[in-house]
Amino acid sequence: MPDPRLTFHGAARAVTGSCFRLETDHGQILIDCGLFQGAKTEKELNYRPFPFEPDKITAVILSHAHIDHSGLLPKLVRHGFKGPIHATQATADLAGVMLPDSAHIQEYEVQQFNRRAARRNRGQVSPIYTGADAAACLMQFRAHDYDTWFAVLPGVRARFWNAGHLLGSASVEIEVAQEGTPEPMRLLFSADIGPDYKLMHPDPEGPSGIDYLICESTYGDRDRIDATAERRRELLCEEVRAATNPNGALLIPSFAVERAQELISDLSRLIAESRLPPIPIYVDSPLATRATEVFAKHNKELEEGAVLMRGLASRHLHFTETREQSIALDHVRGFHIVIAASGMCDAGRIRHRLKNWLWRDEATVLFTGFQAEGTLGRILQNGARSVRIQGEEFKVRARIRSLDLYSGHADGTELVDWIKARLPLRHDLFLVHGEEAAIDGLAARLAGIVDLGHVLRPVLDESFVLTRTGVERLSVPTPPRLGPEKIARLDWHNDVSRLILDINDALAGAADERSRDVLIRRLQRALQDDEADEN
């Protein structure tokens, strides 16, 4: 049997688009098939053909339901994949609400885009996939328990280990039989590893004595000091008090699955314990509403499921389901809290809430999760004084705050401890699902623990042959789908938005009409000179 080959089709020096392809003598497997997020240049990868033939994939193993790990599964099915999608039962249940929601968002946003394009006499686009594709995809899920082996291909089996990241989340152990040796090759994909202090999940687990380890590194370059559950609630309490304004609102862009449920639990608890006054809490996300129902169904599997159930019973908690209910939030009077998706402000109802509040001094925006480079969330977090949302310009007068103790990812110290527990590592460690600074930071922490000559940082679509003595690196396709210098970076779309904002600021700051005319003519000449240079 030839040695297996592993290719990294996503989450390579970036934190989205997780997709790893394992080729064996008996077929090809995908571990995750996620949506790319961030700058538009990266998101455009979602619309391109897969860098492999979907109908040649025999099976998918899904680590968890987050869209950056599962979001292209309906596209995979749409383009010919007919095999099983292996997952835990809770992951299958969450995918049952998340993938149809993702399809709905795509169909709606494409409809809006095409409407604007028609007014400008521009071409039309199609959604990446539809609700029908999502429904077909869900029929292919096969549920498995933790720590239970299941067959994937002849000579290949897998099992799930609790990853402590999300309801149903798992690290994926794979064994590949090898001709001429009684010992199979053992691979472990960490997927997303949860931190030590999670509201709802036990500490992550996993086997030791692995041949090849593929590990995430989202927060590999940072530590959270005093990241206990009580400290998390204390800091949240302080942020809510600081945001309180009789005419204001606290907006929390939140991932609809897990983060929203944690915030519901903690806010309701703080109010019940009189550490906060009674404050209306609105969950403005149909996906969060449906996901919360899945969490309630699985509450006995959660470490503090009873706390969540008490939070859901709070009379201060309100879910907005319809579009009309969501729009009505613009007219709520008195201080209130709105939890809305998406967590990186890239889509969803949070963008409408930001359009209503971002320009007001009495508003606060509190980020509670990782913001990928190029997203509106990261731009706000980095201190932008004005932003463009759906083609409109908004001054940023709201307070912008961050609280990373709600992150579902382990920090650098916790990742090192998790890797230590997997030792001995017989061959190589791949660091994925992290921006370059995070990957470099985690690699530096591993000095003296893992031979740094065996710590690899794959780029997009890079392949490795997994031999019995270590990896053989293969060349990256030429030209690459997207070069490393364009991954997890601001792109020209961001530059154009910034330029438009700068032009508007300059025009607004001009002393008189004559000054504005001069500025406009200079800009026009610059464009004409550029065209002349190209000709």
Protein backbone atom coordinates (compact mmCIF):
# COMPACT_ATOMS: atom_id res chain seq x y z
CA MET A 1 0.00 0.00 0.00
CA PRO A 2 1.43 3.43 -0.91
CA ASP A 3 1.94 5.87 1.92
CA PRO A 4 -1.03 8.13 2.69
CA ARG A 5 -1.00 11.71 1.43
CA LEU A 6 -2.36 14.66 3.45
CA THR A 7 -3.33 17.96 1.78
CA PHE A 8 -4.35 21.18 3.54
CA HIS A 9 -7.18 22.83 1.61
CA GLY A 10 -8.05 25.36 4.31
CA ALA A 11 -7.15 26.73 7.75
CA ALA A 12 -3.56 26.94 6.51
CA ARG A 13 -2.02 30.04 8.14
CA ALA A 14 -5.56 31.29 8.67
CA VAL A 15 -8.45 30.46 10.99
CA THR A 16 -11.25 29.59 8.58
CA GLY A 17 -12.05 27.16 5.78
CA SER A 18 -10.89 24.05 7.64
CA CYS A 19 -10.54 21.19 5.15
CA PHE A 20 -7.92 18.43 5.19
CA ARG A 21 -7.86 15.67 2.55
CA LEU A 22 -6.38 12.27 3.37
CA GLU A 23 -5.67 10.03 0.36
CA THR A 24 -5.20 6.30 0.86
CA ASP A 25 -5.08 3.23 -1.37
CA HIS A 26 -8.81 2.65 -0.77
CA GLY A 27 -10.14 6.15 -1.22
CA GLN A 28 -10.07 9.78 -0.15
CA ILE A 29 -11.38 11.25 3.10
CA LEU A 30 -12.07 14.85 4.06
CA ILE A 31 -11.66 15.94 7.65
CA ASP A 32 -14.01 18.96 7.77
CA CYS A 33 -15.17 21.05 4.82
CA GLY A 34 -15.56 24.60 6.09
CA LEU A 35 -16.51 28.01 4.77
CA PHE A 36 -13.81 30.66 4.29
CA GLN A 37 -14.39 33.92 6.15
CA GLY A 38 -12.45 37.17 6.42
CA ALA A 39 -11.44 39.49 3.57
CA LYS A 40 -13.38 39.18 0.31
CA THR A 41 -10.36 37.70 -1.46
CA GLU A 42 -10.52 34.72 0.91
CA LYS A 43 -14.31 34.47 0.83
CA GLU A 44 -14.16 34.27 -2.97
CA LEU A 45 -12.59 30.81 -2.53
CA ASN A 46 -16.05 29.62 -1.46
CA TYR A 47 -17.34 30.31 -4.97
CA ARG A 48 -14.49 28.63 -6.83
CA PRO A 49 -14.43 24.93 -7.73
CA PHE A 50 -12.98 22.62 -5.09
CA PRO A 51 -9.29 21.81 -5.69
CA PHE A 52 -10.30 18.13 -5.88
CA GLU A 53 -13.15 16.16 -7.44
CA PRO A 54 -16.06 15.97 -4.96
CA ASP A 55 -17.38 12.73 -6.45
CA LYS A 56 -14.02 11.07 -5.72
CA ILE A 57 -14.33 11.74 -1.96
CA THR A 58 -15.46 8.53 -0.23
CA ALA A 59 -16.33 9.94 3.22
CA VAL A 60 -16.19 13.06 5.38
CA ILE A 61 -15.37 13.15 9.08
CA LEU A 62 -16.76 16.33 10.66
CA SER A 63 -15.15 17.55 13.88
CA HIS A 64 -17.92 19.98 14.86
CA ALA A 65 -20.72 22.12 13.49
CA HIS A 66 -19.14 25.58 13.32
CA ILE A 67 -19.52 26.98 9.82
CA ASP A 68 -15.78 27.41 9.28
CA HIS A 69 -15.57 23.60 9.62
CA SER A 70 -18.90 22.47 8.11
CA GLY A 71 -20.11 25.30 5.89
CA LEU A 72 -19.12 23.91 2.47
CA LEU A 73 -20.58 20.43 2.99
CA PRO A 74 -23.78 21.28 1.06
CA LYS A 75 -21.62 22.53 -1.83
CA LEU A 76 -19.68 19.26 -1.69
CA VAL A 77 -22.95 17.33 -2.00
CA ARG A 78 -24.22 19.67 -4.72
CA HIS A 79 -21.15 18.84 -6.82
CA GLY A 80 -21.31 15.08 -6.54
CA PHE A 81 -20.27 13.82 -3.09
CA LYS A 82 -22.53 10.90 -2.13
CA GLY A 83 -20.72 9.32 0.82
CA PRO A 84 -21.36 9.39 4.58
CA ILE A 85 -20.60 12.37 6.82
CA HIS A 86 -19.43 10.99 10.16
CA ALA A 87 -20.04 13.16 13.25
CA THR A 88 -21.19 12.98 16.86
CA GLN A 89 -24.94 13.06 17.44
CA ALA A 90 -24.86 16.59 18.90
CA THR A 91 -22.84 17.82 15.91
CA ALA A 92 -25.40 16.27 13.55
CA ASP A 93 -28.21 17.99 15.48
CA LEU A 94 -26.47 21.38 15.38
CA ALA A 95 -25.63 20.99 11.68
CA GLY A 96 -29.34 20.42 11.19
CA VAL A 97 -29.98 24.06 12.12
CA MET A 98 -26.70 25.68 11.03
CA LEU A 99 -26.42 24.45 7.44
CA PRO A 100 -29.99 25.42 6.42
CA ASP A 101 -29.39 28.81 8.06
CA SER A 102 -26.15 29.23 6.11
CA ALA A 103 -28.01 28.42 2.89
CA HIS A 104 -30.73 30.94 3.75
CA ILE A 105 -28.15 33.68 4.40
CA GLN A 106 -26.42 32.97 1.09
CA GLU A 107 -29.65 32.97 -0.89
CA TYR A 108 -30.79 36.20 0.77
CA GLU A 109 -27.45 38.01 0.33
CA VAL A 110 -27.17 36.92 -3.31
CA GLN A 111 -30.70 38.22 -3.88
CA GLN A 112 -29.72 41.57 -2.37
CA PHE A 113 -26.47 41.68 -4.35
CA ASN A 114 -28.21 40.88 -7.64
CA ARG A 115 -30.76 43.60 -6.99
CA ARG A 116 -27.97 46.16 -6.53
CA ALA A 117 -26.07 44.75 -9.52
CA ALA A 118 -29.13 45.05 -11.76
CA ARG A 119 -29.44 48.75 -10.90
CA ARG A 120 -25.78 49.21 -11.92
CA ASN A 121 -26.12 47.02 -15.04
CA ARG A 122 -23.66 44.44 -13.65
CA GLY A 123 -23.63 40.64 -13.86
CA GLN A 124 -25.65 38.37 -11.60
CA VAL A 125 -24.27 35.74 -9.21
CA SER A 126 -25.65 32.48 -7.81
CA PRO A 127 -25.52 31.28 -4.20
CA ILE A 128 -22.81 28.79 -3.27
CA TYR A 129 -25.61 26.37 -2.41
CA THR A 130 -29.31 26.39 -1.63
CA GLY A 131 -31.61 25.16 1.10
CA ALA A 132 -32.28 22.06 -0.99
CA ASP A 133 -28.54 21.30 -1.06
CA ALA A 134 -28.36 21.70 2.73
CA ALA A 135 -31.32 19.35 3.18
CA ALA A 136 -29.72 16.73 0.92
CA CYS A 137 -26.44 17.05 2.81
CA LEU A 138 -28.12 16.40 6.17
CA MET A 139 -29.44 13.07 4.87
CA GLN A 140 -25.84 11.83 4.61
CA PHE A 141 -24.91 12.33 8.28
CA ARG A 142 -24.01 9.25 10.35
CA ALA A 143 -23.80 9.73 14.14
CA HIS A 144 -21.22 8.08 16.43
CA ASP A 145 -20.43 8.17 20.14
CA TYR A 146 -17.16 9.43 21.59
CA ASP A 147 -14.36 6.90 22.05
CA THR A 148 -15.98 4.37 19.71
CA TRP A 149 -14.18 3.15 16.60
CA PHE A 150 -16.06 3.23 13.30
CA ALA A 151 -15.00 2.07 9.83
CA VAL A 152 -14.34 4.79 7.27
CA LEU A 153 -12.65 2.89 4.43
CA PRO A 154 -11.15 -0.59 4.12
CA GLY A 155 -8.08 -0.44 6.35
CA VAL A 156 -9.06 2.94 7.81
CA ARG A 157 -10.98 3.53 11.01
CA ALA A 158 -11.62 6.57 13.19
CA ARG A 159 -12.96 7.63 16.58
CA PHE A 160 -13.95 10.89 18.25
CA TRP A 161 -12.44 12.40 21.40
CA ASN A 162 -14.14 15.19 23.32
CA ALA A 163 -12.48 18.49 22.30
CA GLY A 164 -14.14 20.69 24.94
CA HIS A 165 -14.89 23.40 22.36
CA LEU A 166 -18.57 23.16 21.43
CA LEU A 167 -21.50 20.87 22.05
CA GLY A 168 -20.57 17.70 20.14
CA SER A 169 -17.09 18.92 19.17
CA ALA A 170 -14.40 16.32 18.71
CA SER A 171 -10.78 15.71 17.94
CA VAL A 172 -10.48 13.03 15.28
CA GLU A 173 -8.15 10.03 15.64
CA ILE A 174 -7.56 8.03 12.47
CA GLU A 175 -5.75 4.72 12.07
CA VAL A 176 -4.49 3.66 8.64
CA ALA A 177 -3.43 0.00 8.23
CA GLN A 178 0.07 -0.43 6.80
CA GLU A 179 1.23 -3.36 4.75
CA GLY A 180 4.20 -5.18 6.24
CA THR A 181 3.71 -3.95 9.80
CA PRO A 182 1.20 -4.93 12.49
CA GLU A 183 1.02 -1.35 13.73
CA PRO A 184 -1.30 1.07 11.92
CA MET A 185 -0.29 4.66 11.25
CA ARG A 186 -2.01 6.92 13.81
CA LEU A 187 -3.09 10.47 13.01
CA LEU A 188 -4.80 12.92 15.34
CA PHE A 189 -6.59 16.06 14.15
CA SER A 190 -7.13 18.32 17.14
CA ALA A 191 -9.83 20.39 15.40
CA ASP A 192 -10.69 23.28 17.76
CA ILE A 193 -9.53 22.69 21.34
CA GLY A 194 -11.50 24.30 24.15
CA PRO A 195 -9.93 26.19 27.07
CA ASP A 196 -9.66 24.83 30.60
CA TYR A 197 -12.52 26.99 31.92
CA LYS A 198 -15.53 26.40 29.73
CA LEU A 199 -19.02 26.94 31.02
CA MET A 200 -20.52 23.85 29.45
CA HIS A 201 -17.79 21.35 28.61
CA PRO A 202 -15.18 19.20 30.36
CA ASP A 203 -11.49 19.57 29.57
CA PRO A 204 -10.43 18.26 26.13
CA GLU A 205 -9.13 14.71 25.84
CA GLY A 206 -7.11 12.68 23.37
CA PRO A 207 -4.78 9.70 22.89
CA SER A 208 -1.00 9.67 23.20
CA GLY A 209 1.71 8.05 21.07
CA ILE A 210 0.63 9.58 17.76
CA ASP A 211 2.57 9.34 14.48
CA TYR A 212 1.30 12.63 13.05
CA LEU A 213 -0.47 15.40 14.96
CA ILE A 214 -2.42 18.20 13.26
CA CYS A 215 -3.07 20.90 15.85
CA GLU A 216 -4.91 24.21 15.87
CA SER A 217 -3.10 27.38 16.97
CA THR A 218 -5.75 30.14 17.02
CA TYR A 219 -4.47 31.67 20.27
CA GLY A 220 -1.02 30.09 20.20
CA ASP A 221 0.75 33.38 20.89
CA ARG A 222 -1.23 34.57 23.91
CA ASP A 223 -2.20 33.69 27.46
CA ARG A 224 -5.37 34.44 29.37
CA ILE A 225 -4.54 35.42 32.92
CA ASP A 226 -6.97 34.29 35.62
CA ALA A 227 -9.38 32.78 33.10
CA THR A 228 -11.71 31.18 35.65
CA ALA A 229 -15.48 31.01 35.23
CA GLU A 230 -15.99 33.46 38.10
CA ARG A 231 -13.45 35.89 36.65
CA ARG A 232 -15.23 35.67 33.29
CA ARG A 233 -18.55 36.60 34.90
CA GLU A 234 -16.91 39.37 36.92
CA LEU A 235 -15.40 40.98 33.81
CA LEU A 236 -18.69 40.64 31.92
CA CYS A 237 -20.46 42.33 34.83
CA GLU A 238 -17.96 45.21 34.70
CA GLU A 239 -18.42 45.62 30.96
CA VAL A 240 -22.22 45.72 31.26
CA ARG A 241 -22.06 48.30 34.06
CA ALA A 242 -19.64 50.47 32.09
CA ALA A 243 -21.92 50.26 29.03
CA THR A 244 -25.09 51.16 30.92
CA ASN A 245 -26.67 54.33 29.58
CA PRO A 246 -30.36 55.20 30.00
CA ASN A 247 -30.61 55.90 26.26
CA GLY A 248 -28.13 53.32 25.07
CA ALA A 249 -27.57 49.70 24.16
CA LEU A 250 -24.88 47.06 24.56
CA LEU A 251 -24.42 45.14 21.30
CA ILE A 252 -22.66 41.79 21.54
CA PRO A 253 -21.75 40.33 18.13
CA SER A 254 -21.87 36.64 18.92
CA PHE A 255 -21.50 33.29 17.29
CA ALA A 256 -25.03 31.92 17.44
CA VAL A 257 -23.91 28.51 18.61
CA GLU A 258 -22.25 28.13 22.02
CA ARG A 259 -21.22 31.76 22.59
CA ALA A 260 -24.81 32.99 22.63
CA GLN A 261 -25.82 30.24 25.05
CA GLU A 262 -22.89 31.02 27.37
CA LEU A 263 -23.78 34.70 27.40
CA ILE A 264 -27.43 33.90 28.12
CA SER A 265 -26.37 31.75 31.08
CA ASP A 266 -23.94 34.28 32.55
CA LEU A 267 -26.07 37.39 32.06
CA SER A 268 -29.15 35.71 33.52
CA ARG A 269 -27.09 34.48 36.47
CA LEU A 270 -25.65 37.95 37.15
CA ILE A 271 -29.17 39.42 37.14
CA ALA A 272 -30.55 36.60 39.34
CA GLU A 273 -27.74 37.20 41.86
CA SER A 274 -28.49 40.98 41.83
CA ARG A 275 -24.97 41.73 40.60
CA LEU A 276 -26.66 43.43 37.67
CA PRO A 277 -30.05 45.19 37.70
CA PRO A 278 -32.86 43.72 35.62
CA ILE A 279 -31.88 44.41 31.99
CA PRO A 280 -33.82 43.30 28.92
CA ILE A 281 -31.71 40.83 26.91
CA TYR A 282 -32.65 40.29 23.26
CA VAL A 283 -31.25 37.38 21.28
CA ASP A 284 -31.60 38.70 17.73
CA SER A 285 -30.78 35.57 15.75
CA PRO A 286 -33.13 32.87 14.49
CA LEU A 287 -30.14 30.53 14.32
CA ALA A 288 -29.28 31.19 17.97
CA THR A 289 -32.91 30.48 18.86
CA ARG A 290 -32.87 27.11 17.10
CA ALA A 291 -29.39 26.26 18.35
CA THR A 292 -30.50 27.02 21.91
CA GLU A 293 -33.25 24.43 21.46
CA VAL A 294 -30.57 21.87 20.53
CA PHE A 295 -28.54 22.82 23.61
CA ALA A 296 -31.65 22.42 25.77
CA LYS A 297 -32.22 18.97 24.22
CA HIS A 298 -28.64 17.97 25.15
CA ASN A 299 -28.53 19.84 28.48
CA LYS A 300 -27.74 16.70 30.47
CA GLU A 301 -24.53 16.29 28.45
CA LEU A 302 -23.37 19.78 29.48
CA GLU A 303 -21.38 20.41 32.66
CA GLU A 304 -23.64 23.29 33.66
CA GLY A 305 -26.72 22.38 31.69
CA ALA A 306 -28.93 23.24 34.66
CA VAL A 307 -27.49 26.77 34.70
CA LEU A 308 -28.37 27.18 31.03
CA MET A 309 -31.91 25.93 31.60
CA ARG A 310 -32.41 28.44 34.44
CA GLY A 311 -31.08 31.19 32.19
CA LEU A 312 -33.53 30.25 29.45
CA ALA A 313 -36.38 30.60 31.94
CA SER A 314 -35.41 34.20 32.84
CA ARG A 315 -38.23 36.70 32.34
CA HIS A 316 -35.64 39.22 31.12
CA LEU A 317 -34.69 37.08 28.10
CA HIS A 318 -36.40 37.64 24.74
CA PHE A 319 -35.86 35.92 21.38
CA THR A 320 -36.66 37.79 18.14
CA GLU A 321 -37.72 35.37 15.46
CA THR A 322 -39.29 37.32 12.61
CA ARG A 323 -37.80 40.11 10.54
CA GLU A 324 -40.46 42.46 11.91
CA GLN A 325 -39.48 41.65 15.50
CA SER A 326 -35.86 42.31 14.65
CA ILE A 327 -36.63 45.69 13.04
CA ALA A 328 -38.66 46.65 16.11
CA LEU A 329 -35.49 46.50 18.23
CA ASP A 330 -34.45 49.80 16.65
CA HIS A 331 -37.27 51.41 18.62
CA VAL A 332 -36.63 49.86 22.04
CA ARG A 333 -36.28 52.54 24.70
CA GLY A 334 -34.08 52.32 27.77
CA PHE A 335 -30.80 50.45 28.20
CA HIS A 336 -30.86 46.93 26.80
CA ILE A 337 -28.53 44.20 25.58
CA VAL A 338 -28.67 42.68 22.09
CA ILE A 339 -26.86 39.43 21.29
CA ALA A 340 -26.79 38.97 17.52
CA ALA A 341 -24.91 36.99 14.89
CA SER A 342 -22.58 36.94 13.18
CA GLY A 343 -19.73 36.94 15.66
CA MET A 344 -17.29 38.64 13.23
CA CYS A 345 -19.97 41.09 11.93
CA ASP A 346 -19.61 39.64 8.44
CA ALA A 347 -23.31 38.93 7.93
CA GLY A 348 -26.58 38.55 9.76
CA ARG A 349 -28.63 40.85 11.94
CA ILE A 350 -25.71 42.33 13.86
CA ARG A 351 -24.95 44.47 10.81
CA HIS A 352 -28.40 46.08 11.04
CA ARG A 353 -27.93 46.67 14.77
CA LEU A 354 -24.54 48.29 14.08
CA LYS A 355 -26.03 50.54 11.41
CA ASN A 356 -28.52 51.78 14.02
CA TRP A 357 -26.09 52.22 16.92
CA LEU A 358 -22.47 52.46 15.76
CA TRP A 359 -22.63 56.24 15.24
CA ARG A 360 -24.06 56.92 18.71
CA ASP A 361 -21.98 57.86 21.76
CA GLU A 362 -24.37 56.04 24.10
CA ALA A 363 -23.75 52.62 22.50
CA THR A 364 -21.16 49.96 23.31
CA VAL A 365 -20.04 47.06 21.09
CA LEU A 366 -18.52 44.15 23.02
CA PHE A 367 -16.59 41.49 21.11
CA THR A 368 -16.38 38.11 22.84
CA GLY A 369 -14.66 35.97 20.20
CA PHE A 370 -11.85 35.86 17.67
CA GLN A 371 -12.09 38.38 14.83
CA ALA A 372 -10.40 37.22 11.62
CA GLU A 373 -8.30 39.67 9.61
CA GLY A 374 -10.36 41.54 7.03
CA THR A 375 -13.69 41.15 8.84
CA LEU A 376 -15.74 44.14 9.96
CA GLY A 377 -15.27 42.94 13.53
CA ARG A 378 -11.47 43.05 13.26
CA ILE A 379 -11.59 46.47 11.59
CA LEU A 380 -13.69 47.85 14.46
CA GLN A 381 -11.51 46.12 17.02
CA ASN A 382 -8.44 47.77 15.46
CA GLY A 383 -9.87 51.23 16.11
CA ALA A 384 -11.44 52.34 12.82
CA ARG A 385 -13.08 55.76 13.16
CA SER A 386 -15.46 55.12 10.27
CA VAL A 387 -16.60 52.02 8.39
CA ARG A 388 -18.73 51.05 5.43
CA ILE A 389 -21.62 48.63 5.94
CA GLN A 390 -23.60 47.50 2.89
CA GLY A 391 -22.32 50.49 0.91
CA GLU A 392 -23.13 53.11 3.56
CA GLU A 393 -20.63 55.06 5.65
CA PHE A 394 -20.92 55.16 9.44
CA LYS A 395 -18.83 57.10 11.93
CA VAL A 396 -17.72 54.99 14.88
CA ARG A 397 -18.70 56.81 18.06
CA ALA A 398 -19.75 53.76 20.05
CA ARG A 399 -17.34 52.35 22.63
CA ILE A 400 -15.57 49.29 21.20
CA ARG A 401 -14.62 46.69 23.79
CA SER A 402 -13.29 43.12 23.78
CA LEU A 403 -13.54 40.28 26.29
CA ASP A 404 -11.75 37.15 25.11
CA LEU A 405 -12.52 34.95 28.12
CA TYR A 406 -15.55 33.67 26.21
CA SER A 407 -13.42 32.31 23.41
CA GLY A 408 -13.96 28.65 22.68
CA HIS A 409 -10.26 28.19 21.92
CA ALA A 410 -7.44 27.17 24.25
CA ASP A 411 -4.71 29.75 24.75
CA GLY A 412 -0.99 29.15 24.15
CA THR A 413 -0.27 27.55 27.51
CA GLU A 414 -3.31 25.28 27.27
CA LEU A 415 -2.39 24.20 23.73
CA VAL A 416 1.15 23.32 24.85
CA ASP A 417 -0.27 21.28 27.74
CA TRP A 418 -2.64 19.48 25.36
CA ILE A 419 0.22 18.68 22.96
CA LYS A 420 2.38 17.42 25.85
CA ALA A 421 -0.38 15.00 26.80
CA ARG A 422 -0.27 13.53 23.26
CA LEU A 423 3.45 12.66 23.47
CA PRO A 424 5.41 10.74 22.44
CA LEU A 425 5.01 12.08 18.92
CA ARG A 426 6.73 9.67 16.57
CA HIS A 427 7.06 11.92 13.54
CA ASP A 428 5.69 15.38 12.76
CA LEU A 429 3.45 18.13 14.11
CA PHE A 430 1.45 20.33 11.71
CA LEU A 431 0.30 23.71 13.06
CA VAL A 432 -2.91 24.90 11.40
CA HIS A 433 -5.98 27.07 12.10
CA GLY A 434 -4.02 30.14 13.14
CA GLU A 435 -2.65 33.35 11.69
CA GLU A 436 1.13 33.48 11.24
CA ALA A 437 1.89 35.27 14.52
CA ALA A 438 -0.15 32.69 16.45
CA ILE A 439 1.53 29.76 14.69
CA ASP A 440 4.99 31.22 15.28
CA GLY A 441 4.13 31.93 18.91
CA LEU A 442 2.98 28.37 19.55
CA ALA A 443 6.02 26.91 17.77
CA ALA A 444 8.33 28.99 19.99
CA ARG A 445 6.57 27.69 23.11
CA LEU A 446 7.20 24.10 21.95
CA ALA A 447 11.00 24.48 21.93
CA GLY A 448 12.44 21.70 24.08
CA ILE A 449 9.13 19.80 24.01
CA VAL A 450 8.93 18.90 20.31
CA ASP A 451 11.84 18.88 17.88
CA LEU A 452 11.23 22.14 16.01
CA GLY A 453 12.60 20.53 12.85
CA HIS A 454 9.44 18.44 12.89
CA VAL A 455 7.03 21.36 13.40
CA LEU A 456 5.49 22.19 10.03
CA ARG A 457 3.45 25.22 8.92
CA PRO A 458 1.56 24.17 5.76
CA VAL A 459 0.29 26.70 3.23
CA LEU A 460 -2.98 26.47 1.31
CA ASP A 461 -3.26 23.31 -0.85
CA GLU A 462 0.15 22.02 0.21
CA SER A 463 0.51 18.20 0.25
CA PHE A 464 2.67 15.85 2.32
CA VAL A 465 3.34 12.14 1.96
CA LEU A 466 3.12 10.52 5.39
CA THR A 467 5.82 7.86 5.47
CA ARG A 468 6.88 5.52 8.28
CA THR A 469 9.90 7.72 8.95
CA GLY A 470 8.41 11.20 8.54
CA VAL A 471 6.88 13.49 5.95
CA GLU A 472 7.91 14.11 2.39
CA ARG A 473 6.90 17.61 1.38
CA LEU A 474 5.39 18.01 -2.09
CA SER A 475 5.33 21.18 -4.19
CA VAL A 476 2.42 23.60 -3.90
CA PRO A 477 0.21 23.80 -7.06
CA THR A 478 1.26 26.52 -9.50
CA PRO A 479 -0.35 28.97 -9.60
CA PRO A 480 -1.76 28.59 -6.07
CA ARG A 481 -5.44 29.26 -5.45
CA LEU A 482 -4.30 31.97 -3.05
CA GLY A 483 -0.71 32.71 -2.11
CA PRO A 484 0.38 32.82 1.57
CA GLU A 485 0.90 36.58 1.28
CA LYS A 486 -2.84 37.01 0.64
CA ILE A 487 -4.08 34.77 3.45
CA ALA A 488 -5.35 36.45 6.65
CA ARG A 489 -4.57 39.89 5.23
CA LEU A 490 -6.52 43.01 4.39
CA ASP A 491 -7.15 43.00 0.64
CA TRP A 492 -7.92 45.52 -2.09
CA HIS A 493 -11.62 45.50 -1.18
CA ASN A 494 -10.65 46.74 2.29
CA ASP A 495 -8.32 49.30 0.70
CA VAL A 496 -11.10 50.62 -1.54
CA SER A 497 -13.48 50.99 1.41
CA ARG A 498 -10.78 52.85 3.35
CA LEU A 499 -10.05 55.08 0.32
CA ILE A 500 -13.72 56.02 -0.08
CA LEU A 501 -13.93 56.88 3.61
CA ASP A 502 -10.74 58.97 3.38
CA ILE A 503 -12.04 60.83 0.31
CA ASN A 504 -15.32 61.60 2.06
CA ASP A 505 -13.45 62.85 5.13
CA ALA A 506 -11.20 65.05 2.98
CA LEU A 507 -14.18 66.52 1.11
CA ALA A 508 -16.05 67.14 4.34
CA GLY A 509 -12.99 68.84 5.81
CA ALA A 510 -12.37 71.11 2.81
CA ALA A 511 -12.57 74.79 3.67
CA ASP A 512 -14.92 75.75 0.84
CA GLU A 513 -16.39 74.66 -2.47
CA ARG A 514 -13.29 75.76 -4.39
CA SER A 515 -11.09 73.51 -2.21
CA ARG A 516 -13.43 70.59 -2.84
CA ASP A 517 -13.31 71.22 -6.61
CA VAL A 518 -9.51 71.22 -6.52
CA LEU A 519 -9.44 67.95 -4.60
CA ILE A 520 -11.89 66.29 -7.00
CA ARG A 521 -9.89 67.40 -10.05
CA ARG A 522 -6.68 66.05 -8.49
CA LEU A 523 -8.34 62.69 -7.92
CA GLN A 524 -9.65 62.64 -11.48
CA ARG A 525 -6.20 63.46 -12.88
CA ALA A 526 -4.65 60.69 -10.79
CA LEU A 527 -7.10 58.19 -12.30
CA GLN A 528 -6.49 59.49 -15.82
CA ASP A 529 -2.70 59.36 -15.35
CA ASP A 530 -3.01 55.77 -14.12
CA GLU A 531 -5.03 54.80 -17.20
CA ALA A 532 -2.48 56.49 -19.45
CA ASP A 533 0.37 54.57 -17.77
CA GLU A 534 -1.43 51.27 -18.39
CA ASN A 535 -1.89 52.13 -22.06
